[in-house]
Amino acid sequence: MEIAQHDNLIREALFAGLRLVEGIDRADFQARYRVDPVGFRPEICTKLRQNKLVTITPERLALTHRGLLVSNAIFLQLF
């Protein structure tokens, strides 16, 4: 698979997973796409965490309530 195709699949999975209240299971995501969802765009995840828009635990990446309210803007940053 081309790198660009693989990156697009990751972006789509991030978009779909972050739409869920429970967010993304990091281990499942890594097993499927060979990259940790936080590691795909670490600088953006760090910024979002600092702004309290996402929660990052060893198990999950999820939008906070505040993050859900501005999710479309967050998704634009990930793309």
PDB file of N, CA and C in Angstrom:
ATOM      1  N   MET A   1       0.844  -1.179   0.000  1.00  0.00           N
ATOM      2  CA  MET A   1       0.000   0.000   0.000  1.00  0.00           C
ATOM      3  C   MET A   1       0.891   1.245   0.000  1.00  0.00           C
ATOM      4  N   GLU A   2       0.508   2.208  -0.772  1.00  0.00           N
ATOM      5  CA  GLU A   2       1.251   3.467  -0.817  1.00  0.00           C
ATOM      6  C   GLU A   2       1.180   4.190   0.523  1.00  0.00           C
ATOM      7  N   ILE A   3       2.204   4.972   0.810  1.00  0.00           N
ATOM      8  CA  ILE A   3       2.228   5.739   2.058  1.00  0.00           C
ATOM      9  C   ILE A   3       1.047   6.697   2.114  1.00  0.00           C
ATOM     10  N   ALA A   4       0.764   7.385   1.020  1.00  0.00           N
ATOM     11  CA  ALA A   4      -0.350   8.349   1.001  1.00  0.00           C
ATOM     12  C   ALA A   4      -1.676   7.655   1.285  1.00  0.00           C
ATOM     13  N   GLN A   5      -1.889   6.475   0.710  1.00  0.00           N
ATOM     14  CA  GLN A   5      -3.116   5.723   0.967  1.00  0.00           C
ATOM     15  C   GLN A   5      -3.201   5.315   2.427  1.00  0.00           C
ATOM     16  N   HIS A   6      -2.087   4.844   2.951  1.00  0.00           N
ATOM     17  CA  HIS A   6      -2.058   4.424   4.349  1.00  0.00           C
ATOM     18  C   HIS A   6      -2.358   5.611   5.271  1.00  0.00           C
ATOM     19  N   ASP A   7      -1.755   6.765   5.001  1.00  0.00           N
ATOM     20  CA  ASP A   7      -2.022   7.968   5.801  1.00  0.00           C
ATOM     21  C   ASP A   7      -3.489   8.368   5.714  1.00  0.00           C
ATOM     22  N   ASN A   8      -4.086   8.243   4.552  1.00  0.00           N
ATOM     23  CA  ASN A   8      -5.504   8.571   4.409  1.00  0.00           C
ATOM     24  C   ASN A   8      -6.379   7.627   5.223  1.00  0.00           C
ATOM     25  N   LEU A   9      -6.021   6.342   5.241  1.00  0.00           N
ATOM     26  CA  LEU A   9      -6.762   5.387   6.064  1.00  0.00           C
ATOM     27  C   LEU A   9      -6.654   5.737   7.546  1.00  0.00           C
ATOM     28  N   ILE A  10      -5.457   6.145   7.969  1.00  0.00           N
ATOM     29  CA  ILE A  10      -5.257   6.535   9.369  1.00  0.00           C
ATOM     30  C   ILE A  10      -6.103   7.755   9.693  1.00  0.00           C
ATOM     31  N   ARG A  11      -6.085   8.751   8.817  1.00  0.00           N
ATOM     32  CA  ARG A  11      -6.887   9.962   9.048  1.00  0.00           C
ATOM     33  C   ARG A  11      -8.375   9.635   9.146  1.00  0.00           C
ATOM     34  N   GLU A  12      -8.847   8.793   8.254  1.00  0.00           N
ATOM     35  CA  GLU A  12     -10.258   8.398   8.289  1.00  0.00           C
ATOM     36  C   GLU A  12     -10.595   7.666   9.585  1.00  0.00           C
ATOM     37  N   ALA A  13      -9.691   6.796  10.035  1.00  0.00           N
ATOM     38  CA  ALA A  13      -9.914   6.064  11.283  1.00  0.00           C
ATOM     39  C   ALA A  13      -9.905   7.016  12.480  1.00  0.00           C
ATOM     40  N   LEU A  14      -9.008   7.992  12.464  1.00  0.00           N
ATOM     41  CA  LEU A  14      -8.990   8.994  13.537  1.00  0.00           C
ATOM     42  C   LEU A  14     -10.300   9.768  13.552  1.00  0.00           C
ATOM     43  N   PHE A  15     -10.734  10.203  12.397  1.00  0.00           N
ATOM     44  CA  PHE A  15     -11.976  10.958  12.265  1.00  0.00           C
ATOM     45  C   PHE A  15     -13.147  10.147  12.818  1.00  0.00           C
ATOM     46  N   ALA A  16     -13.269   8.897  12.382  1.00  0.00           N
ATOM     47  CA  ALA A  16     -14.374   8.050  12.829  1.00  0.00           C
ATOM     48  C   ALA A  16     -14.281   7.733  14.320  1.00  0.00           C
ATOM     49  N   GLY A  17     -13.091   7.392  14.787  1.00  0.00           N
ATOM     50  CA  GLY A  17     -12.918   7.017  16.194  1.00  0.00           C
ATOM     51  C   GLY A  17     -13.132   8.165  17.158  1.00  0.00           C
ATOM     52  N   LEU A  18     -12.689   9.346  16.782  1.00  0.00           N
ATOM     53  CA  LEU A  18     -12.850  10.502  17.678  1.00  0.00           C
ATOM     54  C   LEU A  18     -14.288  11.014  17.701  1.00  0.00           C
ATOM     55  N   ARG A  19     -15.094  10.597  16.771  1.00  0.00           N
ATOM     56  CA  ARG A  19     -16.524  10.935  16.795  1.00  0.00           C
ATOM     57  C   ARG A  19     -17.250  10.159  17.897  1.00  0.00           C
ATOM     58  N   LEU A  20     -16.660   9.055  18.333  1.00  0.00           N
ATOM     59  CA  LEU A  20     -17.263   8.241  19.384  1.00  0.00           C
ATOM     60  C   LEU A  20     -16.953   8.832  20.748  1.00  0.00           C
ATOM     61  N   VAL A  21     -17.901   8.785  21.645  1.00  0.00           N
ATOM     62  CA  VAL A  21     -17.692   9.319  22.991  1.00  0.00           C
ATOM     63  C   VAL A  21     -16.523   8.620  23.672  1.00  0.00           C
ATOM     64  N   GLU A  22     -16.390   7.304  23.471  1.00  0.00           N
ATOM     65  CA  GLU A  22     -15.305   6.567  24.119  1.00  0.00           C
ATOM     66  C   GLU A  22     -13.962   6.779  23.427  1.00  0.00           C
ATOM     67  N   GLY A  23     -13.980   7.335  22.226  1.00  0.00           N
ATOM     68  CA  GLY A  23     -12.734   7.627  21.524  1.00  0.00           C
ATOM     69  C   GLY A  23     -12.118   6.393  20.894  1.00  0.00           C
ATOM     70  N   ILE A  24     -10.803   6.398  20.806  1.00  0.00           N
ATOM     71  CA  ILE A  24     -10.046   5.374  20.093  1.00  0.00           C
ATOM     72  C   ILE A  24      -9.272   4.507  21.073  1.00  0.00           C
ATOM     73  N   ASP A  25      -9.405   3.214  20.914  1.00  0.00           N
ATOM     74  CA  ASP A  25      -8.590   2.270  21.675  1.00  0.00           C
ATOM     75  C   ASP A  25      -7.212   2.267  21.022  1.00  0.00           C
ATOM     76  N   ARG A  26      -6.211   2.728  21.733  1.00  0.00           N
ATOM     77  CA  ARG A  26      -4.879   2.903  21.157  1.00  0.00           C
ATOM     78  C   ARG A  26      -4.233   1.593  20.731  1.00  0.00           C
ATOM     79  N   ALA A  27      -4.404   0.544  21.508  1.00  0.00           N
ATOM     80  CA  ALA A  27      -3.799  -0.751  21.168  1.00  0.00           C
ATOM     81  C   ALA A  27      -4.433  -1.328  19.903  1.00  0.00           C
ATOM     82  N   ASP A  28      -5.748  -1.262  19.801  1.00  0.00           N
ATOM     83  CA  ASP A  28      -6.427  -1.759  18.604  1.00  0.00           C
ATOM     84  C   ASP A  28      -6.010  -0.958  17.373  1.00  0.00           C
ATOM     85  N   PHE A  29      -5.942   0.351  17.535  1.00  0.00           N
ATOM     86  CA  PHE A  29      -5.560   1.220  16.429  1.00  0.00           C
ATOM     87  C   PHE A  29      -4.148   0.883  15.963  1.00  0.00           C
ATOM     88  N   GLN A  30      -3.242   0.734  16.918  1.00  0.00           N
ATOM     89  CA  GLN A  30      -1.850   0.425  16.571  1.00  0.00           C
ATOM     90  C   GLN A  30      -1.739  -0.943  15.891  1.00  0.00           C
ATOM     91  N   ALA A  31      -2.495  -1.906  16.357  1.00  0.00           N
ATOM     92  CA  ALA A  31      -2.464  -3.235  15.734  1.00  0.00           C
ATOM     93  C   ALA A  31      -2.967  -3.175  14.294  1.00  0.00           C
ATOM     94  N   ARG A  32      -3.951  -2.366  14.049  1.00  0.00           N
ATOM     95  CA  ARG A  32      -4.541  -2.296  12.718  1.00  0.00           C
ATOM     96  C   ARG A  32      -3.731  -1.446  11.735  1.00  0.00           C
ATOM     97  N   TYR A  33      -3.221  -0.290  12.219  1.00  0.00           N
ATOM     98  CA  TYR A  33      -2.574   0.670  11.310  1.00  0.00           C
ATOM     99  C   TYR A  33      -1.066   0.806  11.506  1.00  0.00           C
ATOM    100  N   ARG A  34      -0.526   0.047  12.459  1.00  0.00           N
ATOM    101  CA  ARG A  34       0.919   0.046  12.727  1.00  0.00           C
ATOM    102  C   ARG A  34       1.444   1.401  13.197  1.00  0.00           C
ATOM    103  N   VAL A  35       0.595   2.203  13.807  1.00  0.00           N
ATOM    104  CA  VAL A  35       1.004   3.488  14.373  1.00  0.00           C
ATOM    105  C   VAL A  35       0.047   3.821  15.514  1.00  0.00           C
ATOM    106  N   ASP A  36       0.598   4.358  16.570  1.00  0.00           N
ATOM    107  CA  ASP A  36      -0.217   4.832  17.682  1.00  0.00           C
ATOM    108  C   ASP A  36      -0.975   6.063  17.198  1.00  0.00           C
ATOM    109  N   PRO A  37      -2.261   6.208  17.506  1.00  0.00           N
ATOM    110  CA  PRO A  37      -2.992   7.368  17.029  1.00  0.00           C
ATOM    111  C   PRO A  37      -2.402   8.691  17.526  1.00  0.00           C
ATOM    112  N   VAL A  38      -1.812   8.676  18.696  1.00  0.00           N
ATOM    113  CA  VAL A  38      -1.164   9.892  19.221  1.00  0.00           C
ATOM    114  C   VAL A  38       0.133  10.164  18.464  1.00  0.00           C
ATOM    115  N   GLY A  39       0.801   9.113  18.036  1.00  0.00           N
ATOM    116  CA  GLY A  39       2.065   9.254  17.334  1.00  0.00           C
ATOM    117  C   GLY A  39       1.931   9.659  15.878  1.00  0.00           C
ATOM    118  N   PHE A  40       0.720   9.593  15.333  1.00  0.00           N
ATOM    119  CA  PHE A  40       0.535   9.970  13.937  1.00  0.00           C
ATOM    120  C   PHE A  40       0.760  11.467  13.736  1.00  0.00           C
ATOM    121  N   ARG A  41       0.235  12.279  14.623  1.00  0.00           N
ATOM    122  CA  ARG A  41       0.443  13.728  14.586  1.00  0.00           C
ATOM    123  C   ARG A  41       0.713  14.202  16.021  1.00  0.00           C
ATOM    124  N   PRO A  42       1.860  13.835  16.581  1.00  0.00           N
ATOM    125  CA  PRO A  42       2.115  14.077  18.005  1.00  0.00           C
ATOM    126  C   PRO A  42       2.073  15.551  18.398  1.00  0.00           C
ATOM    127  N   GLU A  43       2.557  16.435  17.537  1.00  0.00           N
ATOM    128  CA  GLU A  43       2.559  17.858  17.874  1.00  0.00           C
ATOM    129  C   GLU A  43       1.132  18.394  18.008  1.00  0.00           C
ATOM    130  N   ILE A  44       0.238  17.905  17.183  1.00  0.00           N
ATOM    131  CA  ILE A  44      -1.155  18.344  17.259  1.00  0.00           C
ATOM    132  C   ILE A  44      -1.827  17.745  18.487  1.00  0.00           C
ATOM    133  N   CYS A  45      -1.575  16.468  18.766  1.00  0.00           N
ATOM    134  CA  CYS A  45      -2.158  15.835  19.955  1.00  0.00           C
ATOM    135  C   CYS A  45      -1.690  16.531  21.233  1.00  0.00           C
ATOM    136  N   THR A  46      -0.428  16.910  21.280  1.00  0.00           N
ATOM    137  CA  THR A  46       0.102  17.623  22.453  1.00  0.00           C
ATOM    138  C   THR A  46      -0.608  18.958  22.624  1.00  0.00           C
ATOM    139  N   LYS A  47      -0.759  19.688  21.545  1.00  0.00           N
ATOM    140  CA  LYS A  47      -1.442  20.995  21.587  1.00  0.00           C
ATOM    141  C   LYS A  47      -2.908  20.839  22.011  1.00  0.00           C
ATOM    142  N   LEU A  48      -3.575  19.832  21.458  1.00  0.00           N
ATOM    143  CA  LEU A  48      -4.971  19.597  21.815  1.00  0.00           C
ATOM    144  C   LEU A  48      -5.111  19.215  23.287  1.00  0.00           C
ATOM    145  N   ARG A  49      -4.172  18.428  23.776  1.00  0.00           N
ATOM    146  CA  ARG A  49      -4.196  18.034  25.195  1.00  0.00           C
ATOM    147  C   ARG A  49      -3.972  19.248  26.096  1.00  0.00           C
ATOM    148  N   GLN A  50      -3.021  20.088  25.726  1.00  0.00           N
ATOM    149  CA  GLN A  50      -2.742  21.298  26.513  1.00  0.00           C
ATOM    150  C   GLN A  50      -3.951  22.225  26.559  1.00  0.00           C
ATOM    151  N   ASN A  51      -4.719  22.240  25.480  1.00  0.00           N
ATOM    152  CA  ASN A  51      -5.922  23.074  25.415  1.00  0.00           C
ATOM    153  C   ASN A  51      -7.162  22.365  25.948  1.00  0.00           C
ATOM    154  N   LYS A  52      -6.949  21.199  26.558  1.00  0.00           N
ATOM    155  CA  LYS A  52      -8.019  20.405  27.166  1.00  0.00           C
ATOM    156  C   LYS A  52      -9.118  20.027  26.174  1.00  0.00           C
ATOM    157  N   LEU A  53      -8.684  19.699  24.944  1.00  0.00           N
ATOM    158  CA  LEU A  53      -9.625  19.285  23.914  1.00  0.00           C
ATOM    159  C   LEU A  53      -9.620  17.773  23.701  1.00  0.00           C
ATOM    160  N   VAL A  54      -8.559  17.108  24.157  1.00  0.00           N
ATOM    161  CA  VAL A  54      -8.497  15.652  24.116  1.00  0.00           C
ATOM    162  C   VAL A  54      -7.948  15.133  25.435  1.00  0.00           C
ATOM    163  N   THR A  55      -8.302  13.904  25.728  1.00  0.00           N
ATOM    164  CA  THR A  55      -7.668  13.189  26.831  1.00  0.00           C
ATOM    165  C   THR A  55      -6.842  12.075  26.203  1.00  0.00           C
ATOM    166  N   ILE A  56      -5.664  11.904  26.753  1.00  0.00           N
ATOM    167  CA  ILE A  56      -4.765  10.855  26.283  1.00  0.00           C
ATOM    168  C   ILE A  56      -4.374  10.023  27.490  1.00  0.00           C
ATOM    169  N   THR A  57      -4.744   8.753  27.437  1.00  0.00           N
ATOM    170  CA  THR A  57      -4.335   7.803  28.473  1.00  0.00           C
ATOM    171  C   THR A  57      -3.562   6.693  27.768  1.00  0.00           C
ATOM    172  N   PRO A  58      -2.921   5.824  28.518  1.00  0.00           N
ATOM    173  CA  PRO A  58      -2.235   4.710  27.855  1.00  0.00           C
ATOM    174  C   PRO A  58      -3.193   3.847  27.012  1.00  0.00           C
ATOM    175  N   GLU A  59      -4.464   3.844  27.360  1.00  0.00           N
ATOM    176  CA  GLU A  59      -5.436   3.000  26.661  1.00  0.00           C
ATOM    177  C   GLU A  59      -6.205   3.711  25.555  1.00  0.00           C
ATOM    178  N   ARG A  60      -6.474   5.018  25.718  1.00  0.00           N
ATOM    179  CA  ARG A  60      -7.416   5.684  24.818  1.00  0.00           C
ATOM    180  C   ARG A  60      -6.975   7.086  24.432  1.00  0.00           C
ATOM    181  N   LEU A  61      -7.480   7.508  23.271  1.00  0.00           N
ATOM    182  CA  LEU A  61      -7.413   8.893  22.816  1.00  0.00           C
ATOM    183  C   LEU A  61      -8.856   9.302  22.574  1.00  0.00           C
ATOM    184  N   ALA A  62      -9.312  10.348  23.240  1.00  0.00           N
ATOM    185  CA  ALA A  62     -10.713  10.750  23.111  1.00  0.00           C
ATOM    186  C   ALA A  62     -10.833  12.259  23.215  1.00  0.00           C
ATOM    187  N   LEU A  63     -11.863  12.776  22.570  1.00  0.00           N
ATOM    188  CA  LEU A  63     -12.169  14.193  22.705  1.00  0.00           C
ATOM    189  C   LEU A  63     -12.816  14.426  24.064  1.00  0.00           C
ATOM    190  N   THR A  64     -12.520  15.555  24.659  1.00  0.00           N
ATOM    191  CA  THR A  64     -13.204  15.959  25.878  1.00  0.00           C
ATOM    192  C   THR A  64     -14.562  16.532  25.477  1.00  0.00           C
ATOM    193  N   HIS A  65     -15.383  16.875  26.449  1.00  0.00           N
ATOM    194  CA  HIS A  65     -16.670  17.509  26.147  1.00  0.00           C
ATOM    195  C   HIS A  65     -16.428  18.787  25.340  1.00  0.00           C
ATOM    196  N   ARG A  66     -15.466  19.545  25.777  1.00  0.00           N
ATOM    197  CA  ARG A  66     -15.110  20.783  25.062  1.00  0.00           C
ATOM    198  C   ARG A  66     -14.618  20.462  23.643  1.00  0.00           C
ATOM    199  N   GLY A  67     -13.838  19.417  23.515  1.00  0.00           N
ATOM    200  CA  GLY A  67     -13.342  19.001  22.211  1.00  0.00           C
ATOM    201  C   GLY A  67     -14.462  18.565  21.272  1.00  0.00           C
ATOM    202  N   LEU A  68     -15.466  17.887  21.820  1.00  0.00           N
ATOM    203  CA  LEU A  68     -16.603  17.481  21.002  1.00  0.00           C
ATOM    204  C   LEU A  68     -17.319  18.694  20.417  1.00  0.00           C
ATOM    205  N   LEU A  69     -17.372  19.786  21.187  1.00  0.00           N
ATOM    206  CA  LEU A  69     -18.049  20.998  20.720  1.00  0.00           C
ATOM    207  C   LEU A  69     -17.341  21.649  19.540  1.00  0.00           C
ATOM    208  N   VAL A  70     -16.042  21.448  19.444  1.00  0.00           N
ATOM    209  CA  VAL A  70     -15.266  22.056  18.349  1.00  0.00           C
ATOM    210  C   VAL A  70     -14.594  20.969  17.505  1.00  0.00           C
ATOM    211  N   SER A  71     -15.234  19.815  17.422  1.00  0.00           N
ATOM    212  CA  SER A  71     -14.615  18.663  16.758  1.00  0.00           C
ATOM    213  C   SER A  71     -14.278  18.927  15.293  1.00  0.00           C
ATOM    214  N   ASN A  72     -15.102  19.646  14.585  1.00  0.00           N
ATOM    215  CA  ASN A  72     -14.801  19.892  13.171  1.00  0.00           C
ATOM    216  C   ASN A  72     -13.489  20.649  13.013  1.00  0.00           C
ATOM    217  N   ALA A  73     -13.215  21.613  13.874  1.00  0.00           N
ATOM    218  CA  ALA A  73     -11.957  22.346  13.823  1.00  0.00           C
ATOM    219  C   ALA A  73     -10.783  21.422  14.164  1.00  0.00           C
ATOM    220  N   ILE A  74     -10.983  20.517  15.088  1.00  0.00           N
ATOM    221  CA  ILE A  74      -9.947  19.541  15.451  1.00  0.00           C
ATOM    222  C   ILE A  74      -9.646  18.628  14.271  1.00  0.00           C
ATOM    223  N   PHE A  75     -10.684  18.151  13.600  1.00  0.00           N
ATOM    224  CA  PHE A  75     -10.481  17.250  12.467  1.00  0.00           C
ATOM    225  C   PHE A  75      -9.718  17.940  11.352  1.00  0.00           C
ATOM    226  N   LEU A  76      -9.963  19.214  11.141  1.00  0.00           N
ATOM    227  CA  LEU A  76      -9.216  19.952  10.120  1.00  0.00           C
ATOM    228  C   LEU A  76      -7.725  19.975  10.442  1.00  0.00           C
ATOM    229  N   GLN A  77      -7.387  20.085  11.725  1.00  0.00           N
ATOM    230  CA  GLN A  77      -5.976  20.090  12.130  1.00  0.00           C
ATOM    231  C   GLN A  77      -5.320  18.740  11.865  1.00  0.00           C
ATOM    232  N   LEU A  78      -6.076  17.663  12.014  1.00  0.00           N
ATOM    233  CA  LEU A  78      -5.532  16.325  11.812  1.00  0.00           C
ATOM    234  C   LEU A  78      -5.357  15.992  10.329  1.00  0.00           C
ATOM    235  N   PHE A  79      -6.066  16.692   9.487  1.00  0.00           N
ATOM    236  CA  PHE A  79      -5.950  16.455   8.048  1.00  0.00           C
ATOM    237  C   PHE A  79      -4.974  17.434   7.488  1.00  0.00           C
TER     238      PHE A  79
END
